[in-house]
């Protein structure tokens, strides 16, 4: 998970960051039923991925 995403995010890092975030998300989803803390982490990862994709105009 990225520590701090802000409006000045550098899209040059998007490829590497998205790859890492998606791997982390897949790993967390693969753990089965999520407790509330894990679900919160999953939601945060999904939000970070969506933020980067929107900010950097990525349509995948």
N, C-alpha and C. Protein backbone atom coordinates (compact mmCIF):
# COMPACT_ATOMS: atom_id res chain seq x y z
N UNK A 1 0.85 -1.16 0.00
CA UNK A 1 0.00 0.00 0.00
C UNK A 1 0.90 1.23 0.00
N UNK A 2 0.50 2.24 -0.72
CA UNK A 2 1.25 3.48 -0.74
C UNK A 2 0.88 4.30 0.50
N UNK A 3 1.87 4.94 1.08
CA UNK A 3 1.64 5.68 2.31
C UNK A 3 0.82 6.94 2.09
N UNK A 4 1.13 7.66 1.01
CA UNK A 4 0.50 8.96 0.87
C UNK A 4 0.29 9.30 -0.61
N UNK A 5 -0.94 9.26 -1.03
CA UNK A 5 -1.28 9.65 -2.40
C UNK A 5 -1.92 11.03 -2.35
N UNK A 6 -1.39 11.93 -3.16
CA UNK A 6 -1.93 13.28 -3.18
C UNK A 6 -2.16 13.71 -4.62
N UNK A 7 -2.77 14.86 -4.78
CA UNK A 7 -3.12 15.34 -6.10
C UNK A 7 -1.91 15.58 -6.98
N UNK A 8 -0.72 15.72 -6.39
CA UNK A 8 0.49 15.92 -7.19
C UNK A 8 1.22 14.60 -7.48
N UNK A 9 0.49 13.48 -7.44
CA UNK A 9 1.06 12.17 -7.71
C UNK A 9 1.73 12.17 -9.09
N UNK A 10 2.93 11.59 -9.16
CA UNK A 10 3.70 11.53 -10.40
C UNK A 10 3.29 10.29 -11.19
N UNK A 11 2.59 10.50 -12.31
CA UNK A 11 2.09 9.39 -13.12
C UNK A 11 3.20 8.57 -13.75
N UNK A 12 4.42 9.05 -13.74
CA UNK A 12 5.54 8.26 -14.25
C UNK A 12 5.75 7.00 -13.41
N UNK A 13 5.23 7.01 -12.18
CA UNK A 13 5.35 5.86 -11.28
C UNK A 13 4.15 4.92 -11.37
N UNK A 14 3.17 5.26 -12.18
CA UNK A 14 1.91 4.53 -12.19
C UNK A 14 2.07 3.06 -12.54
N UNK A 15 2.86 2.74 -13.55
CA UNK A 15 3.01 1.35 -13.97
C UNK A 15 3.50 0.47 -12.84
N UNK A 16 4.57 0.89 -12.21
CA UNK A 16 5.14 0.12 -11.11
C UNK A 16 4.22 0.09 -9.90
N UNK A 17 3.65 1.25 -9.54
CA UNK A 17 2.77 1.32 -8.38
C UNK A 17 1.51 0.48 -8.57
N UNK A 18 0.89 0.57 -9.75
CA UNK A 18 -0.32 -0.21 -10.00
C UNK A 18 -0.03 -1.70 -9.94
N UNK A 19 1.07 -2.11 -10.51
CA UNK A 19 1.44 -3.54 -10.50
C UNK A 19 1.56 -4.02 -9.05
N UNK A 20 2.26 -3.27 -8.24
CA UNK A 20 2.48 -3.65 -6.84
C UNK A 20 1.17 -3.64 -6.05
N UNK A 21 0.36 -2.60 -6.25
CA UNK A 21 -0.91 -2.51 -5.53
C UNK A 21 -1.86 -3.64 -5.93
N UNK A 22 -1.91 -3.96 -7.22
CA UNK A 22 -2.80 -5.04 -7.68
C UNK A 22 -2.34 -6.38 -7.15
N UNK A 23 -1.03 -6.61 -7.06
CA UNK A 23 -0.53 -7.85 -6.49
C UNK A 23 -0.91 -7.96 -5.01
N UNK A 24 -0.75 -6.86 -4.30
CA UNK A 24 -1.10 -6.84 -2.88
C UNK A 24 -2.59 -7.08 -2.69
N UNK A 25 -3.41 -6.47 -3.53
CA UNK A 25 -4.86 -6.65 -3.46
C UNK A 25 -5.24 -8.10 -3.73
N UNK A 26 -4.65 -8.70 -4.75
CA UNK A 26 -4.95 -10.10 -5.08
C UNK A 26 -4.56 -11.01 -3.92
N UNK A 27 -3.44 -10.73 -3.30
CA UNK A 27 -2.99 -11.52 -2.16
C UNK A 27 -3.97 -11.42 -1.00
N UNK A 28 -4.42 -10.21 -0.72
CA UNK A 28 -5.36 -10.02 0.41
C UNK A 28 -6.72 -10.66 0.11
N UNK A 29 -7.16 -10.57 -1.13
CA UNK A 29 -8.45 -11.19 -1.50
C UNK A 29 -8.35 -12.70 -1.44
N UNK A 30 -7.16 -13.23 -1.69
CA UNK A 30 -6.96 -14.68 -1.68
C UNK A 30 -6.94 -15.28 -0.30
N UNK A 31 -7.00 -14.45 0.72
CA UNK A 31 -6.96 -14.93 2.10
C UNK A 31 -8.31 -15.46 2.57
N UNK A 32 -9.33 -15.35 1.74
CA UNK A 32 -10.66 -15.82 2.12
C UNK A 32 -11.46 -14.74 2.81
N UNK A 33 -12.29 -15.15 3.74
CA UNK A 33 -13.16 -14.21 4.45
C UNK A 33 -12.32 -13.18 5.19
N UNK A 34 -12.58 -11.92 4.93
CA UNK A 34 -11.79 -10.84 5.52
C UNK A 34 -12.42 -10.33 6.81
N UNK A 35 -11.58 -10.16 7.84
CA UNK A 35 -12.06 -9.50 9.05
C UNK A 35 -12.16 -8.00 8.75
N UNK A 36 -12.77 -7.24 9.65
CA UNK A 36 -12.98 -5.81 9.36
C UNK A 36 -11.68 -5.06 9.04
N UNK A 37 -10.60 -5.36 9.72
CA UNK A 37 -9.32 -4.68 9.47
C UNK A 37 -8.78 -5.01 8.08
N UNK A 38 -8.87 -6.27 7.70
CA UNK A 38 -8.41 -6.68 6.37
C UNK A 38 -9.29 -6.07 5.30
N UNK A 39 -10.60 -6.03 5.54
CA UNK A 39 -11.51 -5.43 4.57
C UNK A 39 -11.20 -3.95 4.38
N UNK A 40 -10.82 -3.28 5.46
CA UNK A 40 -10.45 -1.87 5.38
C UNK A 40 -9.20 -1.70 4.51
N UNK A 41 -8.24 -2.60 4.66
CA UNK A 41 -7.03 -2.56 3.85
C UNK A 41 -7.35 -2.82 2.38
N UNK A 42 -8.24 -3.77 2.12
CA UNK A 42 -8.68 -4.07 0.75
C UNK A 42 -9.34 -2.83 0.14
N UNK A 43 -10.22 -2.19 0.89
CA UNK A 43 -10.89 -0.99 0.40
C UNK A 43 -9.89 0.12 0.09
N UNK A 44 -8.90 0.27 0.95
CA UNK A 44 -7.89 1.30 0.74
C UNK A 44 -7.07 1.01 -0.52
N UNK A 45 -6.71 -0.25 -0.72
CA UNK A 45 -5.98 -0.63 -1.94
C UNK A 45 -6.82 -0.34 -3.18
N UNK A 46 -8.09 -0.72 -3.14
CA UNK A 46 -8.98 -0.46 -4.28
C UNK A 46 -9.07 1.04 -4.56
N UNK A 47 -9.16 1.84 -3.51
CA UNK A 47 -9.24 3.29 -3.68
C UNK A 47 -7.95 3.85 -4.25
N UNK A 48 -6.80 3.34 -3.80
CA UNK A 48 -5.53 3.82 -4.33
C UNK A 48 -5.39 3.47 -5.80
N UNK A 49 -5.79 2.26 -6.17
CA UNK A 49 -5.74 1.85 -7.58
C UNK A 49 -6.64 2.74 -8.42
N UNK A 50 -7.86 2.98 -7.95
CA UNK A 50 -8.80 3.83 -8.68
C UNK A 50 -8.26 5.25 -8.80
N UNK A 51 -7.66 5.77 -7.73
CA UNK A 51 -7.11 7.13 -7.76
C UNK A 51 -6.04 7.25 -8.84
N UNK A 52 -5.10 6.31 -8.85
CA UNK A 52 -4.01 6.36 -9.83
C UNK A 52 -4.55 6.23 -11.24
N UNK A 53 -5.49 5.31 -11.44
CA UNK A 53 -6.04 5.11 -12.79
C UNK A 53 -6.79 6.36 -13.26
N UNK A 54 -7.53 7.01 -12.38
CA UNK A 54 -8.25 8.23 -12.75
C UNK A 54 -7.29 9.39 -12.96
N UNK A 55 -6.37 9.56 -12.04
CA UNK A 55 -5.43 10.67 -12.11
C UNK A 55 -4.58 10.60 -13.36
N UNK A 56 -4.15 9.39 -13.73
CA UNK A 56 -3.23 9.20 -14.83
C UNK A 56 -3.94 8.80 -16.12
N UNK A 57 -5.29 8.84 -16.10
CA UNK A 57 -6.10 8.55 -17.28
C UNK A 57 -5.79 7.19 -17.88
N UNK A 58 -5.80 6.16 -17.01
CA UNK A 58 -5.55 4.78 -17.41
C UNK A 58 -6.90 4.07 -17.46
N UNK A 59 -7.17 3.39 -18.56
CA UNK A 59 -8.48 2.76 -18.75
C UNK A 59 -8.39 1.24 -18.79
N UNK A 60 -7.91 0.63 -17.73
CA UNK A 60 -7.84 -0.85 -17.70
C UNK A 60 -8.81 -1.38 -16.69
